[in-house]
Structures are given as C-alpha cells and as structure tokens.
Protein backbone atom coordinates (compact mmCIF):
# COMPACT_ATOMS: atom_id res chain seq x y z
CA MET A 1 -1.97 0.62 -10.01
CA LYS A 2 0.94 2.67 -9.86
CA TYR A 3 3.05 4.34 -12.68
CA ASN A 4 6.21 6.44 -13.21
CA LEU A 5 6.11 10.09 -13.38
CA ALA A 6 8.64 10.44 -16.09
CA GLY A 7 10.43 13.73 -15.94
CA LEU A 8 9.80 14.63 -12.53
CA LEU A 9 13.41 15.04 -11.78
CA MET A 10 13.91 17.41 -14.68
CA GLY A 11 14.96 20.96 -14.48
CA ALA A 12 15.61 22.35 -11.14
CA LEU A 13 15.02 19.01 -9.23
CA LEU A 14 17.58 17.16 -11.08
CA LEU A 15 20.09 20.16 -11.21
CA THR A 16 20.05 20.47 -7.39
CA ALA A 17 20.21 16.66 -6.79
CA CYS A 18 22.89 16.04 -9.16
CA GLN A 19 25.24 18.70 -7.65
CA ALA A 20 24.87 17.25 -4.06
CA PRO A 21 28.24 16.93 -2.11
CA ALA A 22 29.87 13.60 -2.88
CA ASP A 23 30.72 13.02 0.89
CA ARG A 24 27.16 13.18 2.12
CA PRO A 25 26.42 9.74 3.77
CA GLU A 26 23.86 7.51 2.18
CA ALA A 27 21.25 5.87 4.46
CA THR A 28 19.60 2.51 3.98
CA SER A 29 16.31 2.88 2.21
CA SER A 30 12.82 1.50 3.25
CA PRO A 31 10.76 -0.99 1.40
CA THR A 32 9.20 0.13 -1.82
CA PRO A 33 5.36 -0.19 -2.24
CA SER A 34 4.54 -3.11 -4.65
CA GLY A 35 3.52 -2.29 -8.18
CA THR A 36 6.19 0.29 -8.99
CA ARG A 37 7.60 0.45 -12.46
CA SER A 38 10.74 2.10 -13.57
CA THR A 39 11.37 4.71 -16.21
CA PRO A 40 14.57 4.92 -18.24
CA PRO A 41 17.40 6.74 -16.14
CA LEU A 42 17.60 10.53 -16.49
CA ALA A 43 21.14 11.63 -16.58
CA VAL A 44 22.15 15.31 -16.23
CA GLU A 45 25.52 16.80 -16.88
CA PRO A 46 26.75 19.01 -14.15
CA THR A 47 27.05 22.83 -14.81
CA GLN A 48 30.02 23.25 -12.43
CA ALA A 49 32.95 20.94 -12.84
CA PRO A 50 34.19 18.93 -11.15
CA ARG A 51 31.08 18.12 -9.03
CA PRO A 52 29.77 14.72 -9.37
CA VAL A 53 26.89 13.46 -11.53
CA GLU A 54 24.10 11.76 -9.67
CA SER A 55 21.31 10.45 -11.96
CA PHE A 56 18.38 8.54 -10.76
CA THR A 57 14.70 7.73 -11.75
CA ALA A 58 11.57 8.32 -9.67
CA SER A 59 8.23 6.64 -9.70
CA LEU A 60 4.97 7.95 -8.28
CA SER A 61 2.20 6.01 -6.50
CA VAL A 62 -0.69 8.07 -8.01
CA GLN A 63 -1.70 8.41 -11.67
CA ASP A 64 -3.08 11.63 -13.37
CA GLY A 65 -6.78 11.71 -13.75
CA ARG A 66 -7.45 8.99 -11.21
CA THR A 67 -9.79 8.75 -8.11
CA TYR A 68 -8.50 7.24 -4.97
CA GLY A 69 -9.71 6.64 -1.47
CA VAL A 70 -9.33 9.07 1.49
CA GLY A 71 -6.06 7.33 2.65
CA MET A 72 -4.13 7.56 -0.50
CA ILE A 73 -0.36 8.47 -0.04
CA PRO A 74 1.36 10.31 -2.82
CA SER A 75 4.79 8.39 -2.57
CA LEU A 76 7.85 9.06 -4.65
CA THR A 77 10.27 6.08 -4.76
CA PHE A 78 13.87 6.65 -6.12
CA SER A 79 16.03 4.26 -7.97
CA LYS A 80 18.93 5.06 -5.64
CA PRO A 81 19.68 6.89 -2.38
CA VAL A 82 19.34 10.54 -2.78
CA GLN A 83 22.23 12.39 -1.41
CA ASP A 84 20.67 15.90 -0.96
CA THR A 85 17.19 14.97 0.37
CA ALA A 86 16.48 18.68 1.26
CA ALA A 87 17.04 19.82 -2.17
CA VAL A 88 14.88 17.14 -3.80
CA ARG A 89 12.20 17.88 -1.25
CA GLY A 90 12.23 21.56 -1.93
CA ALA A 91 11.67 20.89 -5.70
CA VAL A 92 8.59 18.73 -5.13
CA LYS A 93 5.16 20.25 -4.57
CA VAL A 94 1.97 18.42 -3.35
CA GLU A 95 -1.01 20.81 -3.02
CA SER A 96 -4.71 20.19 -2.38
CA THR A 97 -7.94 22.25 -3.10
CA GLY A 98 -8.81 21.39 0.56
CA ALA A 99 -7.65 23.40 3.53
CA GLN A 100 -5.37 20.66 5.06
CA GLU A 101 -1.76 21.32 5.69
CA ILE A 102 0.43 18.73 3.59
CA ARG A 103 3.77 17.76 4.79
CA ALA A 104 6.59 15.55 3.52
CA HIS A 105 8.55 12.74 5.07
CA TRP A 106 11.54 10.84 4.09
CA PHE A 107 11.71 6.92 4.81
CA GLY A 108 15.38 6.54 4.48
CA THR A 109 16.96 8.18 1.40
CA GLN A 110 14.83 6.48 -1.31
CA ARG A 111 11.13 7.24 -0.43
CA LEU A 112 9.36 10.64 0.09
CA ASP A 113 5.82 10.50 1.12
CA PHE A 114 3.36 13.31 1.51
CA ARG A 115 0.01 13.46 3.58
CA PRO A 116 -2.06 15.74 5.76
CA ALA A 117 -2.60 15.07 9.52
CA THR A 118 -5.72 13.25 8.97
CA TYR A 119 -7.30 11.41 5.91
CA TRP A 120 -7.98 13.45 2.96
CA THR A 121 -11.41 15.11 2.51
CA PRO A 122 -13.65 13.54 -0.25
CA GLY A 123 -13.85 15.73 -3.29
CA ASP A 124 -10.43 17.18 -2.76
CA VAL A 125 -8.15 17.47 -5.90
CA VAL A 126 -4.51 16.94 -5.03
CA THR A 127 -1.77 17.97 -7.46
CA VAL A 128 1.81 16.78 -7.52
CA SER A 129 4.34 18.82 -9.51
CA GLY A 130 8.05 19.55 -9.64
CA ALA A 131 10.36 21.55 -11.88
CA THR A 132 9.12 21.65 -15.46
CA VAL A 133 6.97 18.46 -15.42
CA GLU A 134 3.41 18.48 -16.30
CA PRO A 135 1.36 18.37 -12.87
CA VAL A 136 -0.13 14.93 -11.87
CA ARG A 137 -3.81 15.60 -10.62
CA PHE A 138 -5.91 13.16 -8.75
CA THR A 139 -9.29 13.27 -6.94
CA ILE A 140 -10.25 12.00 -3.60
CA GLY A 141 -13.45 9.89 -3.84
CA ARG A 142 -15.95 9.00 -1.28
CA SER A 143 -14.67 7.97 2.16
CA GLN A 144 -14.56 4.04 2.89
CA VAL A 145 -12.92 3.31 6.12
CA SER A 146 -13.28 -0.39 7.38
CA THR A 147 -12.60 -1.42 10.97
CA VAL A 148 -11.44 -4.90 11.28
CA ASP A 149 -11.81 -6.00 14.96
CA ALA A 150 -9.57 -9.06 15.25
CA ALA A 151 -10.88 -10.18 18.81
CA ALA A 152 -14.51 -9.68 17.72
CA LYS A 153 -13.65 -11.20 14.37
CA THR A 154 -15.98 -8.76 12.61
CA MET A 155 -15.42 -6.03 9.97
CA THR A 156 -17.47 -3.08 10.11
CA VAL A 157 -17.46 -0.87 6.79
CA LYS A 158 -18.30 2.90 6.98
CA THR A 159 -19.03 4.76 3.74
CA ASP A 160 -18.88 8.49 4.18
CA GLY A 161 -19.15 8.09 7.99
CA LYS A 162 -22.07 5.92 7.97
CA VAL A 163 -22.16 2.07 8.55
CA SER A 164 -22.67 0.39 5.19
CA SER A 165 -22.16 -3.18 6.24
CA ALA A 166 -20.75 -5.43 8.86
CA VAL A 167 -19.41 -9.09 7.97
CA PRO A 168 -17.85 -12.04 10.09
CA ILE A 169 -14.14 -12.57 9.16
CA THR A 170 -11.17 -14.53 10.20
CA THR A 171 -7.78 -12.90 10.99
CA GLY A 172 -4.32 -14.13 11.80
CA SER A 173 -3.88 -17.02 13.99
CA ASN A 174 -2.10 -16.68 17.53
CA GLU A 175 1.08 -18.01 15.70
CA HIS A 176 0.66 -15.58 12.84
CA PRO A 177 -1.51 -12.54 14.08
CA THR A 178 -2.60 -9.76 11.78
CA TYR A 179 -0.90 -6.31 12.16
CA ASN A 180 -2.71 -3.52 14.04
CA GLY A 181 -2.88 -0.09 12.59
CA ALA A 182 -4.35 1.69 9.56
CA MET A 183 -3.55 0.07 6.14
CA VAL A 184 -4.21 1.52 2.82
CA VAL A 185 -5.37 -0.39 -0.12
CA SER A 186 -2.50 -0.24 -2.69
CA GLU A 187 -3.42 -3.08 -5.19
CA MET A 188 -6.38 -5.06 -6.13
CA PHE A 189 -6.53 -8.59 -7.92
CA ASP A 190 -9.28 -10.71 -9.14
CA THR A 191 -7.23 -13.67 -8.18
CA VAL A 192 -3.71 -14.08 -6.71
CA HIS A 193 -1.37 -17.14 -6.12
CA MET A 194 -0.48 -17.43 -2.51
CA ASP A 195 2.31 -19.70 -1.37
CA ALA A 196 3.59 -19.87 2.30
CA LYS A 197 6.98 -20.32 1.02
CA SER A 198 7.04 -16.58 0.30
CA VAL A 199 6.67 -15.69 4.01
CA GLY A 200 8.58 -18.53 5.34
CA ILE A 201 5.68 -20.52 6.85
CA PHE A 202 6.06 -24.42 6.46
CA LYS A 203 4.55 -27.53 7.76
CA PRO A 204 6.36 -28.80 10.75
CA SER A 205 8.69 -31.88 10.26
CA GLU A 206 7.50 -32.33 6.70
CA VAL A 207 9.61 -32.37 3.74
CA ASP A 208 9.15 -33.06 -0.05
CA GLU A 209 10.81 -35.81 -2.08
CA GLU A 210 13.90 -33.54 -2.47
CA GLY A 211 14.13 -33.07 1.22
CA ARG A 212 12.79 -29.38 1.22
CA PRO A 213 10.37 -27.87 3.75
CA VAL A 214 6.70 -28.13 2.54
CA PRO A 215 4.92 -24.78 2.44
CA ALA A 216 1.98 -24.56 4.96
CA TYR A 217 -0.27 -23.53 2.16
CA ASP A 218 -0.12 -23.14 -1.81
CA ILE A 219 -3.33 -21.71 -3.14
CA PRO A 220 -3.14 -20.78 -6.63
CA ASP A 221 -6.56 -18.70 -7.02
CA VAL A 222 -7.08 -16.67 -3.90
CA PRO A 223 -10.09 -14.60 -4.98
CA ASN A 224 -10.84 -10.85 -4.63
CA ALA A 225 -7.41 -10.11 -3.16
CA ILE A 226 -6.72 -6.63 -1.74
CA ARG A 227 -3.12 -5.85 -0.77
CA LEU A 228 -2.59 -4.11 2.46
CA THR A 229 1.00 -4.20 2.85
CA GLN A 230 4.24 -4.70 0.94
CA SER A 231 5.19 -7.75 3.17
CA GLY A 232 2.04 -9.65 1.99
CA THR A 233 -0.97 -8.75 4.17
CA PHE A 234 -4.08 -9.10 2.16
CA LEU A 235 -7.85 -8.92 2.65
CA HIS A 236 -9.30 -11.61 0.44
CA GLY A 237 -11.97 -14.26 -0.19
CA ASN A 238 -11.53 -17.51 1.45
CA TYR A 239 -13.33 -20.61 0.02
CA TRP A 240 -11.03 -23.36 1.39
CA LYS A 241 -12.06 -23.02 5.04
CA PRO A 242 -15.63 -23.74 6.34
CA LYS A 243 -17.86 -20.60 6.51
CA SER A 244 -18.60 -21.75 10.08
CA ILE A 245 -15.09 -20.45 11.35
CA LEU A 246 -16.08 -16.69 10.14
CA GLY A 247 -16.74 -14.61 13.16
CA LYS A 248 -15.61 -17.32 15.45
CA GLU A 249 -12.02 -18.36 14.80
CA ASN A 250 -8.83 -16.67 13.65
CA THR A 251 -6.89 -19.20 11.47
CA SER A 252 -4.91 -17.22 8.74
CA ALA A 253 -1.28 -16.61 8.34
CA GLY A 254 -1.83 -12.93 8.95
CA CYS A 255 -4.40 -12.01 6.22
CA ILE A 256 -7.96 -11.02 6.60
CA GLY A 257 -10.52 -13.64 5.20
CA LEU A 258 -14.04 -13.18 4.04
CA SER A 259 -16.51 -15.70 2.82
CA ASP A 260 -16.16 -16.38 -0.83
CA LEU A 261 -16.48 -18.97 -3.65
CA LYS A 262 -13.97 -20.44 -5.92
CA PRO A 263 -13.02 -18.14 -8.75
CA ASP A 264 -14.32 -20.54 -11.47
CA GLU A 265 -17.82 -19.96 -10.27
CA THR A 266 -19.93 -17.63 -12.78
CA GLU A 267 -20.78 -14.02 -12.15
CA ALA A 268 -24.28 -15.21 -12.03
CA GLY A 269 -23.37 -17.84 -9.28
CA PHE A 270 -21.68 -15.13 -7.18
CA GLN A 271 -25.05 -13.21 -7.23
CA LYS A 272 -27.20 -15.95 -6.61
CA LYS A 273 -25.30 -18.14 -4.00
CA ASP A 274 -24.60 -17.36 -0.18
CA GLY A 275 -21.03 -16.43 0.73
CA THR A 276 -20.25 -13.44 -1.41
CA GLN A 277 -19.21 -10.93 1.15
CA ALA A 278 -15.60 -10.75 -0.38
CA LYS A 279 -17.03 -10.14 -3.69
CA GLY A 280 -19.23 -7.39 -2.57
CA PHE A 281 -16.43 -5.63 -0.59
CA PHE A 282 -14.10 -6.01 -3.51
CA ASP A 283 -16.48 -4.23 -5.79
CA SER A 284 -17.01 -1.36 -3.32
CA THR A 285 -13.32 -0.86 -2.83
CA MET A 286 -10.89 1.45 -4.61
CA VAL A 287 -7.13 1.87 -4.16
CA GLY A 288 -6.66 4.38 -1.36
CA ASP A 289 -9.35 3.10 0.78
CA VAL A 290 -8.34 2.39 4.50
CA VAL A 291 -8.68 -0.65 6.64
CA GLU A 292 -7.99 -0.24 10.30
CA VAL A 293 -7.15 -3.26 12.16
CA VAL A 294 -7.72 -3.22 16.01
CA ASN A 295 -7.39 -5.56 19.01
CA SER A 296 -5.04 -7.91 17.36
CA ASN A 297 -2.08 -9.79 19.14
CA ASP A 298 0.54 -8.20 16.94
CA ALA A 299 2.28 -4.81 16.77
CA THR A 300 1.32 -1.83 14.64
CA VAL A 301 2.18 -2.17 10.98
CA ARG A 302 5.45 -0.05 9.99
CA PRO A 303 4.48 3.23 8.23
CA ASP A 304 6.65 2.24 5.31
CA ASN A 305 5.46 -1.35 4.85
CA GLY A 306 3.10 -0.41 1.87
CA LEU A 307 1.36 3.10 1.82
CA ASN A 308 0.66 2.91 5.53
CA SER A 309 2.27 6.21 6.38
CA TRP A 310 -0.80 7.04 8.55
CA ASN A 311 0.67 5.04 11.42
CA LEU A 312 3.42 7.53 11.90
CA SER A 313 2.21 10.42 14.34
CA TRP A 314 2.01 13.97 13.07
CA ASP A 315 4.50 15.16 15.50
CA ARG A 316 7.09 12.85 13.85
CA TRP A 317 6.02 13.52 10.21
CA SER A 318 8.47 16.13 8.95
C-alpha cells in the first residue's frame, strides 16, 4: 500500500540536510505507519569541508497515479533522525488543485506529515515534490466517512455525505476498549493472522506445556481486515462469535467487528448467505477512507499511531 519515493532527498534537499550542524540535538521519533519499504541509502558528499555528512532514506505513504480516500495523509518517514528539520521541510512541497491550505507537521525528527485543516475535497489532485525528483501525484476519490458508535454498537457509513448503510457491530470490551477518534485506512488484507500475544493479552492463570502464558486468542484467518492504527486496531470480519452479539455486546480486544463468514467460503457463498456486512464494507473501502469512533471508553488515538494526524488540532498543526 505504500512505496518509497526514491530520490526525494536528492539535490537541494539532501544538500541542506547533509550540512546540518553536528551539535543539533536529536529527538526520539514517533512510530512509523505499517507497510513502509526502504530504498537504498542515498549518500551525499559535503561541498564544504569539514561539515559532517548525513545520509538517510525517505519513504512516502502515497503512490503516483493512485486514488485515495479523503483522509489520506502524505507522510514522509526517514530512516534516521533528521538534524535540520526546517531545511528538509523547506525542500518538500505538497500542493493541491483544491483551495485548502496545506501545512506540514513533524512528529519527532523522523516523520513529516502534510494535511489541510479538514478532509480533502473529492476530485482534488495532490502533488508531492522535492528538489529534482519527479513529482508524485495522487487523486482524492469519493468521500467515505464511517461513524462507529461504540455505545450504540452501530456503524453508519456515509458516501459523499449521504448515508449508504448502517450495520450492527462489536467493538472493544470494557477491559480493552477501542480508541476514539478519526482513524484512516492504511492497509487492507483479504485475511490476516491475529495473535493476542502481539498485543500482550493472555488468558488469566493459564500456561502452555513450557510454562508460557497462553494468548487470549490466535486466529489465523481473520477476513476482510482493514488496518486503522499502527498499534493493531483493525476493522474486520468476525465469524467466530455468534451474530447475536452484534449490535448488543462489545467483546473484542479493541478492534471493530462486523458479521462475516470463514474465508474458505466461496465468493458465491458470500453473495448468497447472510452475514456478509464485512465483505460488503471491505469492497466499498479504499486506503485513505476514514472511520470515526465515538462514545468509546478509551482515549483518543494518538495522531502518530498510523495515518491518524487528523486527531491533532489545526492550532497545533505547524
């Protein structure tokens, strides 16, 4: 879902970054969105000795020619802390055919995000450029913003501002509530393996033959999985719980569950049988769509946990 913008730091961008003062303090970086792949390091020789050489790679969360939802965040992730963040920021341009102002924000010194004050306008063409690199252009598609009400246990989907569907759901339990806030779809998988060990949730007072804690769940084929946070929040199909809990009980470990079938069912089976809300939502979704969770017992998701920068107020976005 994401790719490297090879060469983004060439030319003026690398020149200024590589000549940053050596005594500038380095801050701890924020988590990197999932799916990033690295390019070979780009090294630049200094033009004025004895200034130190700093080389790093950068990856970009958007791909040239793609269409994304209205919440998509153009995000640059650097392979190491950037010393002169102002110089790097000044060498990267993000422009839109729309009328919205676009600003940049650093999360630590390894991640640089760009966004307007509110979601992008459908039809906008956004261009990311820097120095001598070929511009990366992507298009904003139709608007799909879904509201998950954790208290009401429902999800209402709006397409281009009009309600297109409303389905019963289950969200995080009292022990493991779902984050509140606007969460942007960053990855999509037909199936994904979910193991409670990865998020530190185990069965109480139970160990395996080697004395290790037993994960609370281990599901190898979670269907129609849509990633919402780097830390592991997904919206996905749920076939292992009775459908009767949907709309009535919150039972998950923090994810949002919709009714579904096991992945080994045929496509025809998905179309004929009841319980296909997850498949229908998956098929209507694209990377960059927004899921807004309200009325949960948890805090608002951190803006740097995935592509969820919309949770930082515009006043603080600079």
